[in-house]
Amino acid sequence: MLGTVALCAGCDVYPAWGAVVVGGLSGPIFMVIKYILLRFKIDDPLDAIPVHGAGNLTSDKLGNCIPKLCCKKLSFWTKMISARNGYFLT
């Protein structure tokens, strides 16, 4: 579930290695957010906060970096969304 949430923002512009990077980095962020919730005794039996929080945080931060690293020619809509606020819309 976490990998699906993390890859949704840039699935049309990520290369295969970019998807692996985003999925791999979202796992440790998930564990940190889950630990924080357990530490403060916040009940989240479905892990919805860590899954969507970690996935969204990872895809928002890396969604703008990975396409610029590998693709010199970005689509018109990718440029427009990136230029708007620095992130892909999720």
C-alpha atoms as a PDB file:
ATOM      1  CA  MET A   1       0.000   0.000   0.000  1.00  0.00           C
ATOM      2  CA  LEU A   2       2.799   2.402   0.876  1.00  0.00           C
ATOM      3  CA  GLY A   3       4.545   1.875  -2.447  1.00  0.00           C
ATOM      4  CA  THR A   4       1.332   2.569  -4.333  1.00  0.00           C
ATOM      5  CA  VAL A   5       0.744   5.819  -2.458  1.00  0.00           C
ATOM      6  CA  ALA A   6       4.358   6.918  -2.868  1.00  0.00           C
ATOM      7  CA  LEU A   7       4.512   6.284  -6.611  1.00  0.00           C
ATOM      8  CA  CYS A   8       1.193   7.845  -7.595  1.00  0.00           C
ATOM      9  CA  ALA A   9       2.397  11.451  -7.845  1.00  0.00           C
ATOM     10  CA  GLY A  10       5.032  10.873 -10.485  1.00  0.00           C
ATOM     11  CA  CYS A  11       4.162   7.541 -12.023  1.00  0.00           C
ATOM     12  CA  ASP A  12       3.981   9.055 -15.502  1.00  0.00           C
ATOM     13  CA  VAL A  13       7.467  10.599 -15.367  1.00  0.00           C
ATOM     14  CA  TYR A  14       9.528   8.267 -13.147  1.00  0.00           C
ATOM     15  CA  PRO A  15      11.958   5.923 -14.839  1.00  0.00           C
ATOM     16  CA  ALA A  16      12.212   2.409 -13.385  1.00  0.00           C
ATOM     17  CA  TRP A  17      15.132   3.287 -11.125  1.00  0.00           C
ATOM     18  CA  GLY A  18      13.262   6.368  -9.878  1.00  0.00           C
ATOM     19  CA  ALA A  19      10.339   4.236  -8.785  1.00  0.00           C
ATOM     20  CA  VAL A  20      12.715   1.990  -6.843  1.00  0.00           C
ATOM     21  CA  VAL A  21      14.289   5.023  -5.137  1.00  0.00           C
ATOM     22  CA  VAL A  22      10.932   6.525  -4.161  1.00  0.00           C
ATOM     23  CA  GLY A  23       9.601   3.193  -2.901  1.00  0.00           C
ATOM     24  CA  GLY A  24      12.812   2.461  -1.007  1.00  0.00           C
ATOM     25  CA  LEU A  25      12.944   5.832   0.714  1.00  0.00           C
ATOM     26  CA  SER A  26       9.296   5.805   1.699  1.00  0.00           C
ATOM     27  CA  GLY A  27       9.805   2.710   3.878  1.00  0.00           C
ATOM     28  CA  PRO A  28      12.119   4.291   6.477  1.00  0.00           C
ATOM     29  CA  ILE A  29       9.969   7.422   6.575  1.00  0.00           C
ATOM     30  CA  PHE A  30       6.957   5.180   7.245  1.00  0.00           C
ATOM     31  CA  MET A  31       8.768   3.546  10.170  1.00  0.00           C
ATOM     32  CA  VAL A  32       9.695   6.922  11.693  1.00  0.00           C
ATOM     33  CA  ILE A  33       6.132   8.245  11.475  1.00  0.00           C
ATOM     34  CA  LYS A  34       4.763   4.989  12.907  1.00  0.00           C
ATOM     35  CA  TYR A  35       7.243   5.155  15.810  1.00  0.00           C
ATOM     36  CA  ILE A  36       6.231   8.748  16.553  1.00  0.00           C
ATOM     37  CA  LEU A  37       2.561   7.764  16.661  1.00  0.00           C
ATOM     38  CA  LEU A  38       3.305   4.849  18.992  1.00  0.00           C
ATOM     39  CA  ARG A  39       5.520   7.027  21.177  1.00  0.00           C
ATOM     40  CA  PHE A  40       2.756   9.579  21.693  1.00  0.00           C
ATOM     41  CA  LYS A  41       0.129   6.809  22.075  1.00  0.00           C
ATOM     42  CA  ILE A  42      -1.942   7.911  19.098  1.00  0.00           C
ATOM     43  CA  ASP A  43      -4.236   5.096  18.039  1.00  0.00           C
ATOM     44  CA  ASP A  44      -4.129   4.323  14.331  1.00  0.00           C
ATOM     45  CA  PRO A  45      -5.024   0.641  13.894  1.00  0.00           C
ATOM     46  CA  LEU A  46      -4.987   0.758  10.073  1.00  0.00           C
ATOM     47  CA  ASP A  47      -1.707   2.739   9.823  1.00  0.00           C
ATOM     48  CA  ALA A  48      -3.446   5.250   7.572  1.00  0.00           C
ATOM     49  CA  ILE A  49      -1.449   8.222   8.875  1.00  0.00           C
ATOM     50  CA  PRO A  50       2.002   6.660   8.360  1.00  0.00           C
ATOM     51  CA  VAL A  51       1.113   5.104   4.992  1.00  0.00           C
ATOM     52  CA  HIS A  52      -0.361   8.214   3.430  1.00  0.00           C
ATOM     53  CA  GLY A  53       1.932  10.618   5.270  1.00  0.00           C
ATOM     54  CA  ALA A  54       5.150   8.829   4.343  1.00  0.00           C
ATOM     55  CA  GLY A  55       4.001   8.123   0.800  1.00  0.00           C
ATOM     56  CA  ASN A  56       2.886  11.666   0.203  1.00  0.00           C
ATOM     57  CA  LEU A  57       5.981  13.197   1.792  1.00  0.00           C
ATOM     58  CA  THR A  58       8.318  11.036  -0.267  1.00  0.00           C
ATOM     59  CA  SER A  59       6.515  11.530  -3.552  1.00  0.00           C
ATOM     60  CA  ASP A  60       6.182  15.277  -3.033  1.00  0.00           C
ATOM     61  CA  LYS A  61       9.864  15.792  -2.283  1.00  0.00           C
ATOM     62  CA  LEU A  62      11.251  13.412  -4.899  1.00  0.00           C
ATOM     63  CA  GLY A  63       8.538  13.968  -7.487  1.00  0.00           C
ATOM     64  CA  ASN A  64      10.260  17.092  -8.719  1.00  0.00           C
ATOM     65  CA  CYS A  65      13.868  15.868  -8.464  1.00  0.00           C
ATOM     66  CA  ILE A  66      13.896  12.509 -10.228  1.00  0.00           C
ATOM     67  CA  PRO A  67      12.489  13.599 -13.605  1.00  0.00           C
ATOM     68  CA  LYS A  68      14.978  16.470 -13.757  1.00  0.00           C
ATOM     69  CA  LEU A  69      17.876  14.097 -13.080  1.00  0.00           C
ATOM     70  CA  CYS A  70      17.113  11.725 -15.921  1.00  0.00           C
ATOM     71  CA  CYS A  71      14.875  13.363 -18.479  1.00  0.00           C
ATOM     72  CA  LYS A  72      16.050  16.345 -20.444  1.00  0.00           C
ATOM     73  CA  LYS A  73      12.804  16.629 -22.331  1.00  0.00           C
ATOM     74  CA  LEU A  74       9.858  16.897 -19.971  1.00  0.00           C
ATOM     75  CA  SER A  75       6.272  17.094 -21.113  1.00  0.00           C
ATOM     76  CA  PHE A  76       4.392  20.379 -21.154  1.00  0.00           C
ATOM     77  CA  TRP A  77       2.162  19.402 -18.219  1.00  0.00           C
ATOM     78  CA  THR A  78       5.084  18.206 -16.126  1.00  0.00           C
ATOM     79  CA  LYS A  79       6.763  21.577 -16.554  1.00  0.00           C
ATOM     80  CA  MET A  80       3.568  23.444 -15.718  1.00  0.00           C
ATOM     81  CA  ILE A  81       2.885  21.448 -12.554  1.00  0.00           C
ATOM     82  CA  SER A  82       6.530  21.657 -11.427  1.00  0.00           C
ATOM     83  CA  ALA A  83       6.700  25.388 -12.044  1.00  0.00           C
ATOM     84  CA  ARG A  84       3.504  26.083 -10.173  1.00  0.00           C
ATOM     85  CA  ASN A  85       4.687  25.253  -6.655  1.00  0.00           C
ATOM     86  CA  GLY A  86       7.721  23.011  -6.928  1.00  0.00           C
ATOM     87  CA  TYR A  87       5.784  19.799  -6.431  1.00  0.00           C
ATOM     88  CA  PHE A  88       3.602  17.486  -8.442  1.00  0.00           C
ATOM     89  CA  LEU A  89      -0.041  17.660  -7.509  1.00  0.00           C
ATOM     90  CA  THR A  90      -1.143  14.646  -5.499  1.00  0.00           C
END
